[in-house]
Amino acid sequence: MKFKASIDIMPLKALLDPQGKAVSATMKNIGLPEIENVRIGKHITFEITANSASQAQSQAEEACRKLLANLIMEDYHVVIEEMGV
C-alpha cells in the first residue's frame, strides 16, 4: 500500500528562533503589528510503501530521527494518509 507522509519540523519552543524573530519584527514594519511570536520550520512530504498505516508511521518517524530532524534543536510531527490506487 502507498501512503503519504506529511511532516512538520519546528524549532523546540525553549530555543530562540532567529528567523522567526526577524519575521516578527518585520511584521510591525509592514503594518501588521497584530502578528507576533512567529516560528519558522520545515514542511516535508514523501510517499512510503508499507503494509499498514502504523508501519508507514514508524518508517516516517525513523526517517525524522535519523535524517530529517535535529532532535537536539527540533521537534517533529508526522501525519500519514493512505493514497488512492
PDB file of N, CA and C in Angstrom:
ATOM      1  N   MET A   1       0.845  -1.178   0.000  1.00  0.00           N
ATOM      2  CA  MET A   1       0.000   0.000   0.000  1.00  0.00           C
ATOM      3  C   MET A   1       0.890   1.241   0.000  1.00  0.00           C
ATOM      4  N   LYS A   2       0.380   2.291  -0.609  1.00  0.00           N
ATOM      5  CA  LYS A   2       1.105   3.568  -0.662  1.00  0.00           C
ATOM      6  C   LYS A   2       0.500   4.536   0.349  1.00  0.00           C
ATOM      7  N   PHE A   3       1.383   5.254   1.021  1.00  0.00           N
ATOM      8  CA  PHE A   3       0.977   6.264   1.994  1.00  0.00           C
ATOM      9  C   PHE A   3       1.728   7.551   1.715  1.00  0.00           C
ATOM     10  N   LYS A   4       1.118   8.666   2.082  1.00  0.00           N
ATOM     11  CA  LYS A   4       1.776   9.968   2.004  1.00  0.00           C
ATOM     12  C   LYS A   4       2.095  10.408   3.431  1.00  0.00           C
ATOM     13  N   ALA A   5       3.356  10.748   3.659  1.00  0.00           N
ATOM     14  CA  ALA A   5       3.774  11.281   4.956  1.00  0.00           C
ATOM     15  C   ALA A   5       3.902  12.790   4.833  1.00  0.00           C
ATOM     16  N   SER A   6       3.292  13.508   5.758  1.00  0.00           N
ATOM     17  CA  SER A   6       3.430  14.957   5.857  1.00  0.00           C
ATOM     18  C   SER A   6       4.078  15.242   7.207  1.00  0.00           C
ATOM     19  N   ILE A   7       5.212  15.918   7.172  1.00  0.00           N
ATOM     20  CA  ILE A   7       5.995  16.125   8.387  1.00  0.00           C
ATOM     21  C   ILE A   7       6.239  17.608   8.588  1.00  0.00           C
ATOM     22  N   ASP A   8       5.940  18.082   9.784  1.00  0.00           N
ATOM     23  CA  ASP A   8       6.271  19.450  10.193  1.00  0.00           C
ATOM     24  C   ASP A   8       7.403  19.370  11.198  1.00  0.00           C
ATOM     25  N   ILE A   9       8.474  20.095  10.923  1.00  0.00           N
ATOM     26  CA  ILE A   9       9.633  20.141  11.814  1.00  0.00           C
ATOM     27  C   ILE A   9       9.786  21.579  12.279  1.00  0.00           C
ATOM     28  N   MET A  10       9.797  21.755  13.592  1.00  0.00           N
ATOM     29  CA  MET A  10       9.859  23.097  14.174  1.00  0.00           C
ATOM     30  C   MET A  10      10.960  23.169  15.222  1.00  0.00           C
ATOM     31  N   PRO A  11      11.522  24.371  15.420  1.00  0.00           N
ATOM     32  CA  PRO A  11      12.491  24.521  16.500  1.00  0.00           C
ATOM     33  C   PRO A  11      11.798  24.261  17.841  1.00  0.00           C
ATOM     34  N   LEU A  12      12.532  23.698  18.786  1.00  0.00           N
ATOM     35  CA  LEU A  12      11.970  23.491  20.121  1.00  0.00           C
ATOM     36  C   LEU A  12      11.532  24.824  20.704  1.00  0.00           C
ATOM     37  N   LYS A  13      10.426  24.821  21.436  1.00  0.00           N
ATOM     38  CA  LYS A  13       9.886  26.064  21.998  1.00  0.00           C
ATOM     39  C   LYS A  13      10.854  26.750  22.940  1.00  0.00           C
ATOM     40  N   ALA A  14      11.711  25.979  23.602  1.00  0.00           N
ATOM     41  CA  ALA A  14      12.658  26.554  24.560  1.00  0.00           C
ATOM     42  C   ALA A  14      13.817  27.274  23.867  1.00  0.00           C
ATOM     43  N   LEU A  15      13.986  27.063  22.556  1.00  0.00           N
ATOM     44  CA  LEU A  15      15.111  27.652  21.842  1.00  0.00           C
ATOM     45  C   LEU A  15      14.710  28.918  21.101  1.00  0.00           C
ATOM     46  N   LEU A  16      15.661  29.825  20.983  1.00  0.00           N
ATOM     47  CA  LEU A  16      15.471  31.037  20.211  1.00  0.00           C
ATOM     48  C   LEU A  16      15.328  30.677  18.732  1.00  0.00           C
ATOM     49  N   ASP A  17      14.419  31.344  18.038  1.00  0.00           N
ATOM     50  CA  ASP A  17      14.222  31.150  16.599  1.00  0.00           C
ATOM     51  C   ASP A  17      14.558  32.474  15.915  1.00  0.00           C
ATOM     52  N   PRO A  18      15.835  32.679  15.513  1.00  0.00           N
ATOM     53  CA  PRO A  18      16.236  33.969  14.944  1.00  0.00           C
ATOM     54  C   PRO A  18      15.454  34.346  13.682  1.00  0.00           C
ATOM     55  N   GLN A  19      15.148  33.356  12.828  1.00  0.00           N
ATOM     56  CA  GLN A  19      14.357  33.651  11.623  1.00  0.00           C
ATOM     57  C   GLN A  19      12.964  34.145  12.008  1.00  0.00           C
ATOM     58  N   GLY A  20      12.345  33.431  12.927  1.00  0.00           N
ATOM     59  CA  GLY A  20      11.013  33.829  13.381  1.00  0.00           C
ATOM     60  C   GLY A  20      11.017  35.192  14.030  1.00  0.00           C
ATOM     61  N   LYS A  21      12.049  35.473  14.809  1.00  0.00           N
ATOM     62  CA  LYS A  21      12.173  36.770  15.480  1.00  0.00           C
ATOM     63  C   LYS A  21      12.296  37.894  14.444  1.00  0.00           C
ATOM     64  N   ALA A  22      13.091  37.677  13.394  1.00  0.00           N
ATOM     65  CA  ALA A  22      13.251  38.676  12.340  1.00  0.00           C
ATOM     66  C   ALA A  22      11.931  38.908  11.608  1.00  0.00           C
ATOM     67  N   VAL A  23      11.197  37.838  11.319  1.00  0.00           N
ATOM     68  CA  VAL A  23       9.908  37.981  10.635  1.00  0.00           C
ATOM     69  C   VAL A  23       8.912  38.695  11.537  1.00  0.00           C
ATOM     70  N   SER A  24       8.904  38.380  12.821  1.00  0.00           N
ATOM     71  CA  SER A  24       8.006  39.061  13.765  1.00  0.00           C
ATOM     72  C   SER A  24       8.275  40.561  13.775  1.00  0.00           C
ATOM     73  N   ALA A  25       9.550  40.942  13.798  1.00  0.00           N
ATOM     74  CA  ALA A  25       9.911  42.366  13.808  1.00  0.00           C
ATOM     75  C   ALA A  25       9.475  43.043  12.508  1.00  0.00           C
ATOM     76  N   THR A  26       9.618  42.345  11.399  1.00  0.00           N
ATOM     77  CA  THR A  26       9.247  42.913  10.098  1.00  0.00           C
ATOM     78  C   THR A  26       7.739  43.099   9.990  1.00  0.00           C
ATOM     79  N   MET A  27       6.964  42.232  10.631  1.00  0.00           N
ATOM     80  CA  MET A  27       5.504  42.373  10.591  1.00  0.00           C
ATOM     81  C   MET A  27       5.088  43.753  11.095  1.00  0.00           C
ATOM     82  N   LYS A  28       5.730  44.229  12.145  1.00  0.00           N
ATOM     83  CA  LYS A  28       5.424  45.574  12.672  1.00  0.00           C
ATOM     84  C   LYS A  28       5.760  46.631  11.620  1.00  0.00           C
ATOM     85  N   ASN A  29       6.899  46.444  10.931  1.00  0.00           N
ATOM     86  CA  ASN A  29       7.347  47.424   9.937  1.00  0.00           C
ATOM     87  C   ASN A  29       6.437  47.497   8.716  1.00  0.00           C
ATOM     88  N   ILE A  30       5.727  46.415   8.409  1.00  0.00           N
ATOM     89  CA  ILE A  30       4.848  46.419   7.226  1.00  0.00           C
ATOM     90  C   ILE A  30       3.380  46.629   7.600  1.00  0.00           C
ATOM     91  N   GLY A  31       3.150  47.086   8.828  1.00  0.00           N
ATOM     92  CA  GLY A  31       1.792  47.434   9.234  1.00  0.00           C
ATOM     93  C   GLY A  31       0.952  46.280   9.746  1.00  0.00           C
ATOM     94  N   LEU A  32       1.599  45.209  10.201  1.00  0.00           N
ATOM     95  CA  LEU A  32       0.869  44.063  10.754  1.00  0.00           C
ATOM     96  C   LEU A  32       1.341  43.761  12.176  1.00  0.00           C
ATOM     97  N   PRO A  33       1.183  44.722  13.091  1.00  0.00           N
ATOM     98  CA  PRO A  33       1.690  44.521  14.453  1.00  0.00           C
ATOM     99  C   PRO A  33       0.930  43.451  15.240  1.00  0.00           C
ATOM    100  N   GLU A  34      -0.232  43.042  14.732  1.00  0.00           N
ATOM    101  CA  GLU A  34      -1.023  42.013  15.419  1.00  0.00           C
ATOM    102  C   GLU A  34      -0.358  40.638  15.313  1.00  0.00           C
ATOM    103  N   ILE A  35       0.510  40.449  14.321  1.00  0.00           N
ATOM    104  CA  ILE A  35       1.191  39.168  14.116  1.00  0.00           C
ATOM    105  C   ILE A  35       2.490  39.184  14.901  1.00  0.00           C
ATOM    106  N   GLU A  36       2.621  38.226  15.822  1.00  0.00           N
ATOM    107  CA  GLU A  36       3.820  38.182  16.664  1.00  0.00           C
ATOM    108  C   GLU A  36       4.166  36.739  17.012  1.00  0.00           C
ATOM    109  N   ASN A  37       5.310  36.550  17.626  1.00  0.00           N
ATOM    110  CA  ASN A  37       5.795  35.225  18.036  1.00  0.00           C
ATOM    111  C   ASN A  37       5.826  34.236  16.875  1.00  0.00           C
ATOM    112  N   VAL A  38       6.340  34.666  15.727  1.00  0.00           N
ATOM    113  CA  VAL A  38       6.457  33.811  14.547  1.00  0.00           C
ATOM    114  C   VAL A  38       7.530  32.757  14.801  1.00  0.00           C
ATOM    115  N   ARG A  39       7.249  31.509  14.436  1.00  0.00           N
ATOM    116  CA  ARG A  39       8.219  30.411  14.492  1.00  0.00           C
ATOM    117  C   ARG A  39       8.313  29.847  13.078  1.00  0.00           C
ATOM    118  N   ILE A  40       9.514  29.618  12.599  1.00  0.00           N
ATOM    119  CA  ILE A  40       9.711  29.138  11.237  1.00  0.00           C
ATOM    120  C   ILE A  40      10.330  27.753  11.276  1.00  0.00           C
ATOM    121  N   GLY A  41       9.756  26.849  10.507  1.00  0.00           N
ATOM    122  CA  GLY A  41      10.241  25.478  10.457  1.00  0.00           C
ATOM    123  C   GLY A  41      10.232  24.959   9.031  1.00  0.00           C
ATOM    124  N   LYS A  42      10.113  23.636   8.908  1.00  0.00           N
ATOM    125  CA  LYS A  42      10.129  22.975   7.601  1.00  0.00           C
ATOM    126  C   LYS A  42       8.893  22.091   7.475  1.00  0.00           C
ATOM    127  N   HIS A  43       8.415  21.960   6.252  1.00  0.00           N
ATOM    128  CA  HIS A  43       7.329  21.026   5.943  1.00  0.00           C
ATOM    129  C   HIS A  43       7.853  20.095   4.860  1.00  0.00           C
ATOM    130  N   ILE A  44       7.808  18.795   5.111  1.00  0.00           N
ATOM    131  CA  ILE A  44       8.338  17.795   4.188  1.00  0.00           C
ATOM    132  C   ILE A  44       7.248  16.778   3.893  1.00  0.00           C
ATOM    133  N   THR A  45       7.124  16.389   2.629  1.00  0.00           N
ATOM    134  CA  THR A  45       6.202  15.301   2.267  1.00  0.00           C
ATOM    135  C   THR A  45       6.962  14.261   1.461  1.00  0.00           C
ATOM    136  N   PHE A  46       6.557  13.011   1.610  1.00  0.00           N
ATOM    137  CA  PHE A  46       7.091  11.939   0.773  1.00  0.00           C
ATOM    138  C   PHE A  46       6.130  10.769   0.786  1.00  0.00           C
ATOM    139  N   GLU A  47       6.330   9.856  -0.173  1.00  0.00           N
ATOM    140  CA  GLU A  47       5.497   8.664  -0.277  1.00  0.00           C
ATOM    141  C   GLU A  47       6.233   7.480   0.330  1.00  0.00           C
ATOM    142  N   ILE A  48       5.469   6.588   0.957  1.00  0.00           N
ATOM    143  CA  ILE A  48       6.021   5.393   1.596  1.00  0.00           C
ATOM    144  C   ILE A  48       5.204   4.188   1.130  1.00  0.00           C
ATOM    145  N   THR A  49       5.889   3.117   0.784  1.00  0.00           N
ATOM    146  CA  THR A  49       5.225   1.843   0.529  1.00  0.00           C
ATOM    147  C   THR A  49       5.347   1.024   1.811  1.00  0.00           C
ATOM    148  N   ALA A  50       4.207   0.623   2.375  1.00  0.00           N
ATOM    149  CA  ALA A  50       4.195  -0.129   3.634  1.00  0.00           C
ATOM    150  C   ALA A  50       2.965  -1.018   3.677  1.00  0.00           C
ATOM    151  N   ASN A  51       2.985  -1.992   4.589  1.00  0.00           N
ATOM    152  CA  ASN A  51       1.854  -2.914   4.730  1.00  0.00           C
ATOM    153  C   ASN A  51       0.687  -2.314   5.491  1.00  0.00           C
ATOM    154  N   SER A  52       0.945  -1.286   6.299  1.00  0.00           N
ATOM    155  CA  SER A  52      -0.116  -0.678   7.106  1.00  0.00           C
ATOM    156  C   SER A  52       0.247   0.768   7.419  1.00  0.00           C
ATOM    157  N   ALA A  53      -0.744   1.525   7.884  1.00  0.00           N
ATOM    158  CA  ALA A  53      -0.503   2.914   8.275  1.00  0.00           C
ATOM    159  C   ALA A  53       0.460   2.985   9.459  1.00  0.00           C
ATOM    160  N   SER A  54       0.362   2.041  10.381  1.00  0.00           N
ATOM    161  CA  SER A  54       1.263   2.073  11.545  1.00  0.00           C
ATOM    162  C   SER A  54       2.704   1.793  11.123  1.00  0.00           C
ATOM    163  N   GLN A  55       2.898   0.910  10.141  1.00  0.00           N
ATOM    164  CA  GLN A  55       4.256   0.661   9.638  1.00  0.00           C
ATOM    165  C   GLN A  55       4.785   1.903   8.913  1.00  0.00           C
ATOM    166  N   ALA A  56       3.941   2.558   8.130  1.00  0.00           N
ATOM    167  CA  ALA A  56       4.339   3.796   7.447  1.00  0.00           C
ATOM    168  C   ALA A  56       4.697   4.872   8.463  1.00  0.00           C
ATOM    169  N   GLN A  57       3.918   4.965   9.536  1.00  0.00           N
ATOM    170  CA  GLN A  57       4.189   5.934  10.606  1.00  0.00           C
ATOM    171  C   GLN A  57       5.571   5.659  11.214  1.00  0.00           C
ATOM    172  N   SER A  58       5.850   4.401  11.496  1.00  0.00           N
ATOM    173  CA  SER A  58       7.147   4.025  12.083  1.00  0.00           C
ATOM    174  C   SER A  58       8.298   4.366  11.143  1.00  0.00           C
ATOM    175  N   GLN A  59       8.133   4.099   9.861  1.00  0.00           N
ATOM    176  CA  GLN A  59       9.184   4.398   8.896  1.00  0.00           C
ATOM    177  C   GLN A  59       9.426   5.905   8.785  1.00  0.00           C
ATOM    178  N   ALA A  60       8.348   6.682   8.763  1.00  0.00           N
ATOM    179  CA  ALA A  60       8.481   8.138   8.669  1.00  0.00           C
ATOM    180  C   ALA A  60       9.159   8.696   9.922  1.00  0.00           C
ATOM    181  N   GLU A  61       8.787   8.178  11.086  1.00  0.00           N
ATOM    182  CA  GLU A  61       9.417   8.646  12.317  1.00  0.00           C
ATOM    183  C   GLU A  61      10.891   8.272  12.373  1.00  0.00           C
ATOM    184  N   GLU A  62      11.229   7.102  11.853  1.00  0.00           N
ATOM    185  CA  GLU A  62      12.642   6.709  11.795  1.00  0.00           C
ATOM    186  C   GLU A  62      13.423   7.653  10.880  1.00  0.00           C
ATOM    187  N   ALA A  63      12.825   8.030   9.744  1.00  0.00           N
ATOM    188  CA  ALA A  63      13.476   8.984   8.842  1.00  0.00           C
ATOM    189  C   ALA A  63      13.704  10.324   9.537  1.00  0.00           C
ATOM    190  N   CYS A  64      12.730  10.748  10.339  1.00  0.00           N
ATOM    191  CA  CYS A  64      12.882  12.004  11.084  1.00  0.00           C
ATOM    192  C   CYS A  64      14.020  11.907  12.093  1.00  0.00           C
ATOM    193  N   ARG A  65      14.031  10.830  12.857  1.00  0.00           N
ATOM    194  CA  ARG A  65      15.057  10.664  13.903  1.00  0.00           C
ATOM    195  C   ARG A  65      16.454  10.541  13.315  1.00  0.00           C
ATOM    196  N   LYS A  66      16.574   9.842  12.177  1.00  0.00           N
ATOM    197  CA  LYS A  66      17.902   9.554  11.619  1.00  0.00           C
ATOM    198  C   LYS A  66      18.426  10.616  10.654  1.00  0.00           C
ATOM    199  N   LEU A  67      17.511  11.379  10.017  1.00  0.00           N
ATOM    200  CA  LEU A  67      17.968  12.276   8.962  1.00  0.00           C
ATOM    201  C   LEU A  67      17.292  13.645   8.932  1.00  0.00           C
ATOM    202  N   LEU A  68      15.982  13.684   9.017  1.00  0.00           N
ATOM    203  CA  LEU A  68      15.258  14.911   8.699  1.00  0.00           C
ATOM    204  C   LEU A  68      15.256  15.961   9.803  1.00  0.00           C
ATOM    205  N   ALA A  69      15.240  15.536  11.055  1.00  0.00           N
ATOM    206  CA  ALA A  69      15.163  16.485  12.173  1.00  0.00           C
ATOM    207  C   ALA A  69      16.417  16.392  13.033  1.00  0.00           C
ATOM    208  N   ASN A  70      16.833  17.532  13.541  1.00  0.00           N
ATOM    209  CA  ASN A  70      17.917  17.582  14.519  1.00  0.00           C
ATOM    210  C   ASN A  70      17.240  17.558  15.892  1.00  0.00           C
ATOM    211  N   LEU A  71      17.202  16.403  16.532  1.00  0.00           N
ATOM    212  CA  LEU A  71      16.412  16.231  17.760  1.00  0.00           C
ATOM    213  C   LEU A  71      16.934  17.056  18.937  1.00  0.00           C
ATOM    214  N   ILE A  72      18.136  17.564  18.838  1.00  0.00           N
ATOM    215  CA  ILE A  72      18.663  18.437  19.894  1.00  0.00           C
ATOM    216  C   ILE A  72      17.985  19.800  19.833  1.00  0.00           C
ATOM    217  N   MET A  73      17.629  20.229  18.608  1.00  0.00           N
ATOM    218  CA  MET A  73      17.082  21.573  18.430  1.00  0.00           C
ATOM    219  C   MET A  73      15.666  21.610  17.854  1.00  0.00           C
ATOM    220  N   GLU A  74      15.176  20.476  17.356  1.00  0.00           N
ATOM    221  CA  GLU A  74      13.895  20.484  16.654  1.00  0.00           C
ATOM    222  C   GLU A  74      12.969  19.375  17.153  1.00  0.00           C
ATOM    223  N   ASP A  75      11.686  19.613  16.961  1.00  0.00           N
ATOM    224  CA  ASP A  75      10.642  18.629  17.234  1.00  0.00           C
ATOM    225  C   ASP A  75       9.929  18.375  15.915  1.00  0.00           C
ATOM    226  N   TYR A  76       9.265  17.229  15.794  1.00  0.00           N
ATOM    227  CA  TYR A  76       8.573  16.926  14.548  1.00  0.00           C
ATOM    228  C   TYR A  76       7.211  16.311  14.833  1.00  0.00           C
ATOM    229  N   HIS A  77       6.345  16.429  13.837  1.00  0.00           N
ATOM    230  CA  HIS A  77       5.005  15.839  13.903  1.00  0.00           C
ATOM    231  C   HIS A  77       4.733  15.185  12.551  1.00  0.00           C
ATOM    232  N   VAL A  78       4.345  13.908  12.570  1.00  0.00           N
ATOM    233  CA  VAL A  78       4.121  13.136  11.347  1.00  0.00           C
ATOM    234  C   VAL A  78       2.629  12.838  11.189  1.00  0.00           C
ATOM    235  N   VAL A  79       2.108  13.050   9.980  1.00  0.00           N
ATOM    236  CA  VAL A  79       0.735  12.658   9.629  1.00  0.00           C
ATOM    237  C   VAL A  79       0.828  11.720   8.425  1.00  0.00           C
ATOM    238  N   ILE A  80       0.195  10.567   8.540  1.00  0.00           N
ATOM    239  CA  ILE A  80       0.186   9.568   7.473  1.00  0.00           C
ATOM    240  C   ILE A  80      -1.211   9.485   6.863  1.00  0.00           C
ATOM    241  N   GLU A  81      -1.260   9.527   5.523  1.00  0.00           N
ATOM    242  CA  GLU A  81      -2.538   9.389   4.804  1.00  0.00           C
ATOM    243  C   GLU A  81      -2.385   8.276   3.781  1.00  0.00           C
ATOM    244  N   GLU A  82      -3.420   7.445   3.671  1.00  0.00           N
ATOM    245  CA  GLU A  82      -3.403   6.400   2.639  1.00  0.00           C
ATOM    246  C   GLU A  82      -3.675   7.061   1.296  1.00  0.00           C
ATOM    247  N   MET A  83      -2.902   6.678   0.294  1.00  0.00           N
ATOM    248  CA  MET A  83      -3.077   7.237  -1.044  1.00  0.00           C
ATOM    249  C   MET A  83      -3.987   6.314  -1.842  1.00  0.00           C
ATOM    250  N   GLY A  84      -4.814   6.905  -2.693  1.00  0.00           N
ATOM    251  CA  GLY A  84      -5.675   6.108  -3.564  1.00  0.00           C
ATOM    252  C   GLY A  84      -4.856   5.375  -4.599  1.00  0.00           C
ATOM    253  N   VAL A  85      -5.383   4.276  -5.071  1.00  0.00           N
ATOM    254  CA  VAL A  85      -4.651   3.454  -6.050  1.00  0.00           C
ATOM    255  C   VAL A  85      -4.744   4.053  -7.429  1.00  0.00           C
TER     256      VAL A  85
END
